[in-house]
Amino acid sequence: MVFALDAAKGFLATGTPSLLAGAWGVGVSAEELFVAALASGVAAIVGHVFSPWLRFRGGRGVATSLGVFLAIIPVPTLVVFGLWTALVLLSRRVSVGSVGAALAYPFLVLLLLRGDPHRTLLCVIAAVVALLVILRHKANLQRLLAGTEPPIQGGERGDAS
C-alpha cells in the first residue's frame, strides 16, 4: 500500500502543472509543460527522500521515482519495473531489485528513447535519480556484502521505498 501511494505521489506531481495550467486558463507550450512536469517530478522525489517532516530523512525514492517516470516516459519505466520485479522474485530482497533497476534505468532511457528530443536530459536526470537511489541503499548494500541482508518474509513489510 505504501509503495502504491508513493508511486501515486510521483505520478500526480508530474500531472500537476498541466492541471494547473488548464484550471487557470494559462496558455503554455508542450515544451513548457514537459519541463514543468519534469521539475515537479524531481521535486517530489527529492521531497520524498529528504522530507522536512522527517527531519530530512525520508525514504529511498524508488516508488516515487517509479510514479514520476511512469508518467513522463512509460516504456523504459515499465521495462525497468519488470526488471525490478524479476530481481526481487529471484533474490527475495527488495534492495537488490531497487539497486539493480536504478543501475539499469539510465541505460534503458538511452536505448529506448532514440529520436526523442529530450533523450539526453532524461538520461541525465535518470542517472542522477539512480545515483540518489543507490546512495540511499548504502546500508542495504553493506548488509548484502556482509551476507546479512534479510530476505522478504511472507506477510512482512519489505524495504522498498
Protein backbone atom coordinates (compact mmCIF):
# COMPACT_ATOMS: atom_id res chain seq x y z
CA MET A 1 0.00 0.00 0.00
CA VAL A 2 2.82 2.42 0.90
CA PHE A 3 4.61 1.58 -2.36
CA ALA A 4 1.45 2.37 -4.37
CA LEU A 5 0.85 5.65 -2.52
CA ASP A 6 4.45 6.76 -3.01
CA ALA A 7 4.24 5.93 -6.73
CA ALA A 8 0.93 7.83 -6.96
CA LYS A 9 2.58 10.84 -5.31
CA GLY A 10 5.24 10.92 -8.02
CA PHE A 11 2.73 10.32 -10.81
CA LEU A 12 0.40 13.08 -9.61
CA ALA A 13 3.25 15.54 -9.12
CA THR A 14 4.09 15.32 -12.81
CA GLY A 15 0.49 15.97 -13.81
CA THR A 16 0.02 18.99 -11.57
CA PRO A 17 1.49 21.58 -13.98
CA SER A 18 -0.91 20.55 -16.75
CA LEU A 19 -3.86 20.55 -14.36
CA LEU A 20 -2.97 23.99 -13.03
CA ALA A 21 -2.38 25.44 -16.50
CA GLY A 22 -5.77 24.13 -17.63
CA ALA A 23 -7.58 25.30 -14.50
CA TRP A 24 -6.07 28.76 -14.70
CA GLY A 25 -6.56 29.01 -18.45
CA VAL A 26 -2.86 29.68 -18.95
CA GLY A 27 -1.60 29.07 -22.46
CA VAL A 28 1.71 27.25 -22.28
CA SER A 29 3.57 25.22 -24.85
CA ALA A 30 4.01 21.47 -24.71
CA GLU A 31 7.72 22.09 -24.11
CA GLU A 32 6.98 24.29 -21.10
CA LEU A 33 4.57 21.71 -19.69
CA PHE A 34 7.17 18.97 -20.16
CA VAL A 35 9.81 20.96 -18.27
CA ALA A 36 7.33 21.85 -15.52
CA ALA A 37 6.21 18.21 -15.19
CA LEU A 38 9.81 17.01 -15.01
CA ALA A 39 10.72 19.66 -12.43
CA SER A 40 7.65 18.79 -10.35
CA GLY A 41 8.51 15.11 -10.51
CA VAL A 42 12.10 15.67 -9.45
CA ALA A 43 10.85 17.89 -6.61
CA ALA A 44 8.54 15.06 -5.47
CA ILE A 45 11.45 12.61 -5.45
CA VAL A 46 13.76 14.98 -3.57
CA GLY A 47 10.95 15.88 -1.15
CA HIS A 48 10.33 12.19 -0.50
CA VAL A 49 13.99 11.35 0.09
CA PHE A 50 14.71 14.48 2.16
CA SER A 51 11.34 15.04 3.82
CA PRO A 52 11.25 18.11 6.05
CA TRP A 53 8.53 16.34 8.08
CA LEU A 54 11.01 13.59 8.93
CA ARG A 55 13.99 15.85 9.68
CA PHE A 56 15.19 15.44 6.08
CA ARG A 57 15.47 11.68 6.44
CA GLY A 58 12.79 10.20 4.23
CA GLY A 59 12.52 7.12 2.04
CA ARG A 60 14.76 5.75 -0.65
CA GLY A 61 12.86 7.26 -3.58
CA VAL A 62 12.20 4.08 -5.53
CA ALA A 63 8.41 4.11 -5.64
CA THR A 64 8.14 7.89 -6.05
CA SER A 65 10.63 7.71 -8.93
CA LEU A 66 8.57 4.95 -10.50
CA GLY A 67 5.48 7.17 -10.45
CA VAL A 68 7.32 10.20 -11.84
CA PHE A 69 8.96 8.37 -14.71
CA LEU A 70 5.88 6.26 -15.45
CA ALA A 71 4.01 9.50 -16.14
CA ILE A 72 6.79 11.04 -18.25
CA ILE A 73 8.41 8.11 -20.09
CA PRO A 74 6.29 4.99 -19.58
CA VAL A 75 8.04 2.49 -21.89
CA PRO A 76 11.51 2.41 -20.27
CA THR A 77 9.84 2.72 -16.88
CA LEU A 78 7.65 -0.33 -17.42
CA VAL A 79 10.67 -2.28 -18.66
CA VAL A 80 12.68 -1.37 -15.55
CA PHE A 81 9.71 -2.18 -13.32
CA GLY A 82 9.70 -5.65 -14.90
CA LEU A 83 13.42 -5.93 -14.14
CA TRP A 84 12.82 -4.77 -10.55
CA THR A 85 10.09 -7.40 -10.15
CA ALA A 86 12.29 -10.17 -11.56
CA LEU A 87 15.23 -9.23 -9.34
CA VAL A 88 13.05 -9.13 -6.23
CA LEU A 89 11.49 -12.51 -7.04
CA LEU A 90 14.87 -14.10 -7.78
CA SER A 91 16.80 -12.63 -4.85
CA ARG A 92 13.91 -12.34 -2.34
CA ARG A 93 15.38 -8.91 -1.47
CA VAL A 94 13.71 -5.63 -2.40
CA SER A 95 17.04 -3.81 -2.11
CA VAL A 96 18.53 -5.99 -4.88
CA GLY A 97 15.63 -5.12 -7.16
CA SER A 98 15.84 -1.43 -6.32
CA VAL A 99 19.59 -1.09 -6.85
CA GLY A 100 19.56 -3.28 -9.97
CA ALA A 101 16.73 -1.29 -11.50
CA ALA A 102 18.43 2.00 -10.62
CA LEU A 103 21.65 0.87 -12.29
CA ALA A 104 19.84 -0.24 -15.46
CA TYR A 105 17.41 2.66 -15.83
CA PRO A 106 19.63 5.36 -17.39
CA PHE A 107 20.81 2.82 -19.98
CA LEU A 108 17.22 1.84 -20.78
CA VAL A 109 16.32 5.51 -21.21
CA LEU A 110 19.25 5.95 -23.56
CA LEU A 111 18.39 2.79 -25.52
CA LEU A 112 14.61 3.13 -25.71
CA LEU A 113 14.26 6.86 -26.32
CA ARG A 114 16.14 7.09 -29.61
CA GLY A 115 14.75 10.00 -31.58
CA ASP A 116 13.23 11.69 -28.52
CA PRO A 117 14.31 15.34 -28.40
CA HIS A 118 14.57 15.14 -24.60
CA ARG A 119 16.64 11.94 -24.56
CA THR A 120 19.83 13.49 -23.20
CA LEU A 121 18.05 15.49 -20.50
CA LEU A 122 16.01 12.48 -19.42
CA CYS A 123 19.08 10.24 -19.37
CA VAL A 124 20.97 12.72 -17.17
CA ILE A 125 18.04 13.08 -14.77
CA ALA A 126 17.56 9.30 -14.71
CA ALA A 127 21.25 8.88 -13.87
CA VAL A 128 21.11 11.45 -11.06
CA VAL A 129 17.97 9.87 -9.59
CA ALA A 130 19.55 6.42 -9.92
CA LEU A 131 22.63 7.62 -8.06
CA LEU A 132 20.42 9.05 -5.32
CA VAL A 133 18.51 5.77 -5.01
CA ILE A 134 21.74 3.77 -4.83
CA LEU A 135 23.24 6.10 -2.20
CA ARG A 136 20.05 5.78 -0.14
CA HIS A 137 20.58 1.99 -0.19
CA LYS A 138 24.08 2.22 1.31
CA ALA A 139 23.15 0.29 4.46
CA ASN A 140 21.37 -2.37 2.39
CA LEU A 141 24.41 -2.75 0.14
CA GLN A 142 26.67 -3.14 3.17
CA ARG A 143 24.38 -5.85 4.56
CA LEU A 144 24.26 -7.57 1.15
CA LEU A 145 28.05 -7.63 1.00
CA ALA A 146 28.21 -8.95 4.56
CA GLY A 147 25.55 -11.57 3.81
CA THR A 148 23.22 -10.21 6.49
CA GLU A 149 20.52 -8.52 4.36
CA PRO A 150 17.31 -10.31 5.33
CA PRO A 151 15.12 -11.76 2.58
CA ILE A 152 11.46 -10.90 2.17
CA GLN A 153 9.36 -12.90 4.58
CA GLY A 154 5.75 -13.79 3.93
CA GLY A 155 3.49 -11.02 5.25
CA GLU A 156 6.31 -8.74 6.45
CA ARG A 157 7.00 -5.30 5.10
CA GLY A 158 9.84 -5.08 2.57
CA ASP A 159 12.37 -2.26 2.31
CA ALA A 160 11.01 -0.79 -0.93
CA SER A 161 10.85 2.94 -0.86
